[in-house]
Amino acid sequence: MSGAAEEEENAADLKIGDEFLKAKCLMNCEVSLILEHKYEQLQQMSEDPLNQVSQVFEKSLQYVKRFSRYKNPDAVRQVRELLSRYQLAEFELCVLGNLCPETVEEAIAMVPSIKSRGRGHDDEAIEKMLNDMSLIKKFE
């Protein structure tokens, strides 16, 4: 270990490593759309699509479909656009998009960094974000 103390990774403070902070994260609903598209391609390429789909692929698709809060592709796009307006890190955006907290307290408990990163997200702004997410879900 070097003379300078290295910071310990902590997702609550958004200390998750530069590689992860710079990476493009996907919500479950986005992964679901990608895997469904790939599944359709595989079906078209083979007379027996089950030969083309691995068990891991199938289980991954089932998982993201089950835990996707948004099913409609337009709703998925709208949620990403909405959350992007709040200058969230990809990690924060995906946690909120996947878990869809209903209250400000839940959102802060799930992603404490939305309050602590100095971006000016007061309770009112967070509540508006959650309400807008709820509206997208309601009208999808």
N, C-alpha and C. Protein backbone atom coordinates (compact mmCIF):
# COMPACT_ATOMS: atom_id res chain seq x y z
N MET A 1 0.84 -1.18 0.00
CA MET A 1 0.00 0.00 0.00
C MET A 1 0.88 1.23 0.00
N SER A 2 0.53 2.24 -0.77
CA SER A 2 1.33 3.45 -0.87
C SER A 2 1.19 4.30 0.38
N GLY A 3 2.03 5.34 0.47
CA GLY A 3 2.01 6.22 1.64
C GLY A 3 0.69 6.94 1.79
N ALA A 4 0.05 7.29 0.68
CA ALA A 4 -1.24 7.96 0.75
C ALA A 4 -2.32 6.93 1.02
N ALA A 5 -3.21 7.26 1.93
CA ALA A 5 -4.29 6.33 2.27
C ALA A 5 -5.26 6.24 1.10
N GLU A 6 -5.53 5.03 0.67
CA GLU A 6 -6.48 4.84 -0.41
C GLU A 6 -7.89 4.87 0.15
N GLU A 7 -8.79 5.53 -0.61
CA GLU A 7 -10.18 5.59 -0.16
C GLU A 7 -10.84 4.24 -0.36
N GLU A 8 -11.59 3.82 0.62
CA GLU A 8 -12.32 2.58 0.53
C GLU A 8 -13.56 2.80 -0.33
N GLU A 9 -13.88 1.82 -1.19
CA GLU A 9 -15.07 1.94 -2.02
C GLU A 9 -16.32 1.90 -1.15
N ASN A 10 -17.29 2.76 -1.50
CA ASN A 10 -18.53 2.85 -0.74
C ASN A 10 -19.60 3.40 -1.67
N ALA A 11 -20.53 2.55 -2.07
CA ALA A 11 -21.56 2.96 -3.02
C ALA A 11 -22.45 4.07 -2.45
N ALA A 12 -22.62 4.11 -1.14
CA ALA A 12 -23.46 5.13 -0.52
C ALA A 12 -22.90 6.53 -0.76
N ASP A 13 -21.58 6.64 -0.87
CA ASP A 13 -20.94 7.92 -1.14
C ASP A 13 -20.52 8.05 -2.59
N LEU A 14 -20.93 7.11 -3.43
CA LEU A 14 -20.59 7.04 -4.84
C LEU A 14 -19.09 6.90 -5.05
N LYS A 15 -18.44 6.21 -4.13
CA LYS A 15 -17.03 5.87 -4.26
C LYS A 15 -16.97 4.43 -4.75
N ILE A 16 -17.12 4.28 -6.05
CA ILE A 16 -17.24 2.93 -6.62
C ILE A 16 -16.17 2.63 -7.65
N GLY A 17 -15.15 3.44 -7.71
CA GLY A 17 -14.07 3.22 -8.67
C GLY A 17 -14.32 3.94 -9.97
N ASP A 18 -13.24 4.49 -10.53
CA ASP A 18 -13.36 5.27 -11.77
C ASP A 18 -13.93 4.46 -12.92
N GLU A 19 -13.51 3.20 -13.04
CA GLU A 19 -13.99 2.38 -14.15
C GLU A 19 -15.51 2.22 -14.10
N PHE A 20 -16.03 2.01 -12.91
CA PHE A 20 -17.46 1.81 -12.75
C PHE A 20 -18.22 3.12 -12.91
N LEU A 21 -17.63 4.21 -12.42
CA LEU A 21 -18.29 5.52 -12.56
C LEU A 21 -18.39 5.93 -14.02
N LYS A 22 -17.43 5.54 -14.83
CA LYS A 22 -17.42 5.93 -16.24
C LYS A 22 -18.19 4.94 -17.12
N ALA A 23 -18.51 3.79 -16.59
CA ALA A 23 -19.18 2.75 -17.37
C ALA A 23 -20.64 3.11 -17.62
N LYS A 24 -21.15 2.65 -18.74
CA LYS A 24 -22.57 2.82 -19.05
C LYS A 24 -23.32 1.69 -18.35
N CYS A 25 -24.21 2.03 -17.45
CA CYS A 25 -25.02 1.04 -16.75
C CYS A 25 -26.38 0.95 -17.43
N LEU A 26 -26.98 -0.20 -17.35
CA LEU A 26 -28.30 -0.42 -17.93
C LEU A 26 -29.28 -0.86 -16.85
N MET A 27 -30.49 -0.33 -16.94
CA MET A 27 -31.56 -0.79 -16.06
C MET A 27 -32.02 -2.16 -16.54
N ASN A 28 -32.65 -2.92 -15.67
CA ASN A 28 -33.16 -4.24 -16.04
C ASN A 28 -34.07 -4.16 -17.26
N CYS A 29 -34.91 -3.12 -17.32
CA CYS A 29 -35.84 -3.00 -18.43
C CYS A 29 -35.10 -2.78 -19.76
N GLU A 30 -33.95 -2.09 -19.72
CA GLU A 30 -33.16 -1.89 -20.94
C GLU A 30 -32.51 -3.21 -21.37
N VAL A 31 -31.98 -3.95 -20.41
CA VAL A 31 -31.38 -5.25 -20.72
C VAL A 31 -32.44 -6.19 -21.28
N SER A 32 -33.63 -6.14 -20.73
CA SER A 32 -34.73 -6.97 -21.22
C SER A 32 -35.02 -6.70 -22.69
N LEU A 33 -35.08 -5.43 -23.06
CA LEU A 33 -35.35 -5.08 -24.46
C LEU A 33 -34.25 -5.59 -25.38
N ILE A 34 -33.00 -5.47 -24.94
CA ILE A 34 -31.87 -5.93 -25.75
C ILE A 34 -31.92 -7.45 -25.91
N LEU A 35 -32.13 -8.16 -24.80
CA LEU A 35 -32.16 -9.62 -24.87
C LEU A 35 -33.36 -10.14 -25.66
N GLU A 36 -34.50 -9.48 -25.55
CA GLU A 36 -35.68 -9.88 -26.33
C GLU A 36 -35.40 -9.71 -27.82
N HIS A 37 -34.74 -8.62 -28.19
CA HIS A 37 -34.39 -8.38 -29.59
C HIS A 37 -33.44 -9.47 -30.09
N LYS A 38 -32.44 -9.79 -29.29
CA LYS A 38 -31.48 -10.84 -29.65
C LYS A 38 -32.20 -12.20 -29.77
N TYR A 39 -33.12 -12.47 -28.86
CA TYR A 39 -33.88 -13.72 -28.90
C TYR A 39 -34.66 -13.83 -30.20
N GLU A 40 -35.30 -12.74 -30.61
CA GLU A 40 -36.05 -12.73 -31.87
C GLU A 40 -35.12 -12.98 -33.05
N GLN A 41 -33.93 -12.39 -33.02
CA GLN A 41 -32.96 -12.62 -34.09
C GLN A 41 -32.57 -14.09 -34.16
N LEU A 42 -32.34 -14.68 -33.00
CA LEU A 42 -31.95 -16.10 -32.97
C LEU A 42 -33.07 -16.99 -33.49
N GLN A 43 -34.31 -16.64 -33.18
CA GLN A 43 -35.45 -17.43 -33.68
C GLN A 43 -35.53 -17.37 -35.19
N GLN A 44 -35.25 -16.20 -35.77
CA GLN A 44 -35.32 -16.05 -37.22
C GLN A 44 -34.18 -16.78 -37.93
N MET A 45 -33.07 -16.97 -37.23
CA MET A 45 -31.90 -17.60 -37.85
C MET A 45 -31.97 -19.12 -37.87
N SER A 46 -32.84 -19.70 -37.07
CA SER A 46 -32.85 -21.14 -36.94
C SER A 46 -34.28 -21.68 -36.98
N GLU A 47 -34.42 -22.86 -37.57
CA GLU A 47 -35.73 -23.50 -37.55
C GLU A 47 -36.06 -24.00 -36.15
N ASP A 48 -35.03 -24.31 -35.39
CA ASP A 48 -35.21 -24.76 -34.00
C ASP A 48 -34.51 -23.75 -33.08
N PRO A 49 -35.22 -22.68 -32.68
CA PRO A 49 -34.58 -21.61 -31.91
C PRO A 49 -34.02 -22.06 -30.56
N LEU A 50 -34.52 -23.15 -30.02
CA LEU A 50 -34.01 -23.62 -28.73
C LEU A 50 -32.56 -24.06 -28.84
N ASN A 51 -32.13 -24.49 -30.04
CA ASN A 51 -30.73 -24.87 -30.24
C ASN A 51 -29.81 -23.65 -30.19
N GLN A 52 -30.34 -22.48 -30.44
CA GLN A 52 -29.54 -21.26 -30.51
C GLN A 52 -29.44 -20.53 -29.17
N VAL A 53 -30.31 -20.84 -28.24
CA VAL A 53 -30.40 -20.10 -26.99
C VAL A 53 -29.81 -20.93 -25.86
N SER A 54 -28.78 -20.39 -25.22
CA SER A 54 -28.19 -21.10 -24.10
C SER A 54 -29.08 -20.97 -22.86
N GLN A 55 -28.85 -21.86 -21.93
CA GLN A 55 -29.61 -21.83 -20.69
C GLN A 55 -29.34 -20.53 -19.91
N VAL A 56 -28.11 -20.06 -19.96
CA VAL A 56 -27.75 -18.81 -19.27
C VAL A 56 -28.50 -17.64 -19.90
N PHE A 57 -28.56 -17.62 -21.24
CA PHE A 57 -29.28 -16.56 -21.94
C PHE A 57 -30.75 -16.58 -21.53
N GLU A 58 -31.34 -17.76 -21.56
CA GLU A 58 -32.77 -17.90 -21.23
C GLU A 58 -33.05 -17.45 -19.80
N LYS A 59 -32.22 -17.87 -18.86
CA LYS A 59 -32.42 -17.49 -17.45
C LYS A 59 -32.19 -15.99 -17.25
N SER A 60 -31.23 -15.43 -17.97
CA SER A 60 -30.99 -13.99 -17.87
C SER A 60 -32.19 -13.21 -18.39
N LEU A 61 -32.73 -13.65 -19.50
CA LEU A 61 -33.90 -13.00 -20.07
C LEU A 61 -35.09 -13.09 -19.11
N GLN A 62 -35.32 -14.25 -18.54
CA GLN A 62 -36.41 -14.42 -17.59
C GLN A 62 -36.23 -13.50 -16.38
N TYR A 63 -35.01 -13.39 -15.89
CA TYR A 63 -34.72 -12.56 -14.72
C TYR A 63 -35.03 -11.09 -15.00
N VAL A 64 -34.46 -10.55 -16.08
CA VAL A 64 -34.67 -9.13 -16.33
C VAL A 64 -36.11 -8.81 -16.68
N LYS A 65 -36.80 -9.74 -17.33
CA LYS A 65 -38.23 -9.51 -17.61
C LYS A 65 -39.02 -9.48 -16.30
N ARG A 66 -38.69 -10.38 -15.40
CA ARG A 66 -39.42 -10.44 -14.13
C ARG A 66 -39.20 -9.20 -13.28
N PHE A 67 -37.98 -8.68 -13.28
CA PHE A 67 -37.65 -7.56 -12.40
C PHE A 67 -37.59 -6.21 -13.12
N SER A 68 -38.12 -6.15 -14.31
CA SER A 68 -38.21 -4.88 -15.03
C SER A 68 -39.46 -4.14 -14.58
N ARG A 69 -39.29 -2.92 -14.15
CA ARG A 69 -40.44 -2.13 -13.70
C ARG A 69 -41.20 -1.53 -14.88
N TYR A 70 -40.53 -1.38 -16.01
CA TYR A 70 -41.15 -0.78 -17.19
C TYR A 70 -41.03 -1.78 -18.34
N LYS A 71 -42.11 -1.98 -19.06
CA LYS A 71 -42.13 -2.97 -20.14
C LYS A 71 -42.14 -2.32 -21.53
N ASN A 72 -42.81 -1.19 -21.64
CA ASN A 72 -42.97 -0.51 -22.91
C ASN A 72 -41.66 0.21 -23.29
N PRO A 73 -41.15 0.00 -24.51
CA PRO A 73 -39.90 0.65 -24.91
C PRO A 73 -39.93 2.18 -24.77
N ASP A 74 -41.08 2.80 -25.05
CA ASP A 74 -41.17 4.26 -24.89
C ASP A 74 -41.04 4.66 -23.43
N ALA A 75 -41.64 3.88 -22.54
CA ALA A 75 -41.54 4.17 -21.11
C ALA A 75 -40.10 4.01 -20.63
N VAL A 76 -39.41 3.00 -21.13
CA VAL A 76 -38.01 2.78 -20.77
C VAL A 76 -37.18 4.00 -21.17
N ARG A 77 -37.38 4.47 -22.39
CA ARG A 77 -36.65 5.65 -22.87
C ARG A 77 -36.99 6.88 -22.04
N GLN A 78 -38.28 7.06 -21.72
CA GLN A 78 -38.70 8.22 -20.94
C GLN A 78 -38.08 8.21 -19.53
N VAL A 79 -38.00 7.04 -18.92
CA VAL A 79 -37.42 6.95 -17.57
C VAL A 79 -35.94 7.34 -17.61
N ARG A 80 -35.21 6.83 -18.60
CA ARG A 80 -33.79 7.19 -18.71
C ARG A 80 -33.65 8.69 -18.94
N GLU A 81 -34.45 9.25 -19.83
CA GLU A 81 -34.38 10.69 -20.09
C GLU A 81 -34.70 11.49 -18.84
N LEU A 82 -35.74 11.09 -18.14
CA LEU A 82 -36.14 11.78 -16.91
C LEU A 82 -35.01 11.77 -15.89
N LEU A 83 -34.48 10.59 -15.60
CA LEU A 83 -33.45 10.48 -14.58
C LEU A 83 -32.15 11.17 -15.01
N SER A 84 -31.88 11.19 -16.30
CA SER A 84 -30.68 11.86 -16.80
C SER A 84 -30.73 13.37 -16.56
N ARG A 85 -31.92 13.93 -16.55
CA ARG A 85 -32.07 15.37 -16.30
C ARG A 85 -31.60 15.77 -14.90
N TYR A 86 -31.53 14.82 -14.00
CA TYR A 86 -31.14 15.11 -12.63
C TYR A 86 -29.64 14.93 -12.39
N GLN A 87 -28.89 14.81 -13.46
CA GLN A 87 -27.44 14.69 -13.40
C GLN A 87 -27.00 13.56 -12.46
N LEU A 88 -27.69 12.45 -12.55
CA LEU A 88 -27.35 11.29 -11.73
C LEU A 88 -26.20 10.53 -12.38
N ALA A 89 -25.39 9.92 -11.56
CA ALA A 89 -24.40 8.99 -12.08
C ALA A 89 -25.16 7.78 -12.63
N GLU A 90 -24.55 7.08 -13.58
CA GLU A 90 -25.21 5.91 -14.18
C GLU A 90 -25.66 4.91 -13.11
N PHE A 91 -24.80 4.68 -12.14
CA PHE A 91 -25.12 3.76 -11.05
C PHE A 91 -26.38 4.20 -10.32
N GLU A 92 -26.47 5.49 -9.99
CA GLU A 92 -27.63 6.01 -9.28
C GLU A 92 -28.88 5.88 -10.14
N LEU A 93 -28.75 6.24 -11.40
CA LEU A 93 -29.88 6.18 -12.33
C LEU A 93 -30.43 4.76 -12.40
N CYS A 94 -29.55 3.78 -12.52
CA CYS A 94 -30.02 2.40 -12.66
C CYS A 94 -30.63 1.86 -11.37
N VAL A 95 -30.07 2.21 -10.24
CA VAL A 95 -30.67 1.75 -8.97
C VAL A 95 -32.07 2.32 -8.84
N LEU A 96 -32.23 3.61 -9.07
CA LEU A 96 -33.55 4.23 -8.95
C LEU A 96 -34.52 3.68 -10.01
N GLY A 97 -34.03 3.50 -11.24
CA GLY A 97 -34.88 2.97 -12.30
C GLY A 97 -35.29 1.52 -12.08
N ASN A 98 -34.43 0.75 -11.44
CA ASN A 98 -34.74 -0.66 -11.17
C ASN A 98 -35.66 -0.82 -9.96
N LEU A 99 -35.40 -0.05 -8.92
CA LEU A 99 -36.12 -0.25 -7.66
C LEU A 99 -37.36 0.62 -7.51
N CYS A 100 -37.43 1.73 -8.23
CA CYS A 100 -38.59 2.62 -8.22
C CYS A 100 -39.09 2.92 -6.81
N PRO A 101 -38.28 3.59 -6.01
CA PRO A 101 -38.75 3.93 -4.66
C PRO A 101 -39.99 4.82 -4.74
N GLU A 102 -40.83 4.72 -3.72
CA GLU A 102 -42.07 5.48 -3.72
C GLU A 102 -41.99 6.75 -2.89
N THR A 103 -41.04 6.79 -1.96
CA THR A 103 -40.92 7.98 -1.11
C THR A 103 -39.51 8.51 -1.16
N VAL A 104 -39.37 9.76 -0.77
CA VAL A 104 -38.05 10.40 -0.72
C VAL A 104 -37.15 9.62 0.23
N GLU A 105 -37.70 9.20 1.36
CA GLU A 105 -36.91 8.46 2.34
C GLU A 105 -36.38 7.16 1.76
N GLU A 106 -37.23 6.45 1.00
CA GLU A 106 -36.78 5.21 0.35
C GLU A 106 -35.68 5.50 -0.66
N ALA A 107 -35.85 6.53 -1.46
CA ALA A 107 -34.86 6.87 -2.47
C ALA A 107 -33.51 7.19 -1.83
N ILE A 108 -33.53 7.95 -0.76
CA ILE A 108 -32.28 8.31 -0.09
C ILE A 108 -31.65 7.09 0.59
N ALA A 109 -32.49 6.21 1.12
CA ALA A 109 -31.97 4.98 1.73
C ALA A 109 -31.31 4.09 0.68
N MET A 110 -31.89 4.03 -0.52
CA MET A 110 -31.35 3.19 -1.59
C MET A 110 -30.13 3.81 -2.23
N VAL A 111 -30.15 5.13 -2.38
CA VAL A 111 -29.07 5.85 -3.06
C VAL A 111 -28.72 7.09 -2.24
N PRO A 112 -28.01 6.92 -1.14
CA PRO A 112 -27.69 8.06 -0.27
C PRO A 112 -26.93 9.18 -0.98
N SER A 113 -26.21 8.84 -2.02
CA SER A 113 -25.40 9.84 -2.72
C SER A 113 -26.24 10.89 -3.44
N ILE A 114 -27.53 10.64 -3.67
CA ILE A 114 -28.33 11.67 -4.34
C ILE A 114 -28.51 12.90 -3.46
N LYS A 115 -28.36 12.73 -2.16
CA LYS A 115 -28.44 13.87 -1.24
C LYS A 115 -27.06 14.45 -0.93
N SER A 116 -26.04 13.61 -0.95
CA SER A 116 -24.76 14.03 -0.42
C SER A 116 -23.75 14.51 -1.45
N ARG A 117 -24.08 14.47 -2.70
CA ARG A 117 -23.08 14.84 -3.71
C ARG A 117 -23.10 16.32 -4.06
N GLY A 118 -23.88 17.11 -3.38
CA GLY A 118 -23.84 18.55 -3.60
C GLY A 118 -24.46 19.02 -4.90
N ARG A 119 -25.39 18.26 -5.45
CA ARG A 119 -26.03 18.67 -6.70
C ARG A 119 -27.32 19.42 -6.46
N GLY A 120 -27.61 19.68 -5.23
CA GLY A 120 -28.81 20.46 -4.93
C GLY A 120 -30.10 19.69 -4.99
N HIS A 121 -30.04 18.39 -4.83
CA HIS A 121 -31.27 17.60 -4.83
C HIS A 121 -31.89 17.64 -3.44
N ASP A 122 -32.75 18.61 -3.27
CA ASP A 122 -33.47 18.65 -1.99
C ASP A 122 -34.63 17.67 -2.05
N ASP A 123 -35.31 17.52 -0.94
CA ASP A 123 -36.41 16.55 -0.87
C ASP A 123 -37.48 16.83 -1.92
N GLU A 124 -37.72 18.08 -2.19
CA GLU A 124 -38.76 18.46 -3.16
C GLU A 124 -38.37 18.00 -4.57
N ALA A 125 -37.12 18.17 -4.94
CA ALA A 125 -36.66 17.74 -6.27
C ALA A 125 -36.72 16.22 -6.39
N ILE A 126 -36.33 15.53 -5.34
CA ILE A 126 -36.37 14.06 -5.36
C ILE A 126 -37.82 13.58 -5.46
N GLU A 127 -38.70 14.23 -4.72
CA GLU A 127 -40.12 13.85 -4.77
C GLU A 127 -40.69 14.06 -6.17
N LYS A 128 -40.32 15.15 -6.83
CA LYS A 128 -40.79 15.40 -8.19
C LYS A 128 -40.28 14.31 -9.13
N MET A 129 -39.03 13.94 -8.99
CA MET A 129 -38.46 12.88 -9.81
C MET A 129 -39.24 11.57 -9.62
N LEU A 130 -39.53 11.22 -8.37
CA LEU A 130 -40.26 9.98 -8.08
C LEU A 130 -41.68 10.05 -8.62
N ASN A 131 -42.33 11.19 -8.49
CA ASN A 131 -43.69 11.36 -9.03
C ASN A 131 -43.70 11.21 -10.55
N ASP A 132 -42.70 11.81 -11.20
CA ASP A 132 -42.62 11.71 -12.66
C ASP A 132 -42.39 10.26 -13.09
N MET A 133 -41.55 9.53 -12.35
CA MET A 133 -41.34 8.11 -12.65
C MET A 133 -42.64 7.33 -12.49
N SER A 134 -43.38 7.66 -11.44
CA SER A 134 -44.65 6.98 -11.18
C SER A 134 -45.66 7.24 -12.29
N LEU A 135 -45.67 8.46 -12.80
CA LEU A 135 -46.58 8.80 -13.91
C LEU A 135 -46.24 8.00 -15.16
N ILE A 136 -44.95 7.87 -15.44
CA ILE A 136 -44.54 7.08 -16.61
C ILE A 136 -45.05 5.65 -16.47
N LYS A 137 -44.89 5.08 -15.29
CA LYS A 137 -45.35 3.70 -15.06
C LYS A 137 -46.87 3.60 -15.18
N LYS A 138 -47.55 4.59 -14.65
CA LYS A 138 -49.02 4.58 -14.65
C LYS A 138 -49.59 4.62 -16.07
N PHE A 139 -48.94 5.36 -16.95
CA PHE A 139 -49.48 5.55 -18.30
C PHE A 139 -48.77 4.73 -19.38
N GLU A 140 -47.96 3.76 -18.96
CA GLU A 140 -47.27 2.97 -20.01
C GLU A 140 -48.20 1.95 -20.63
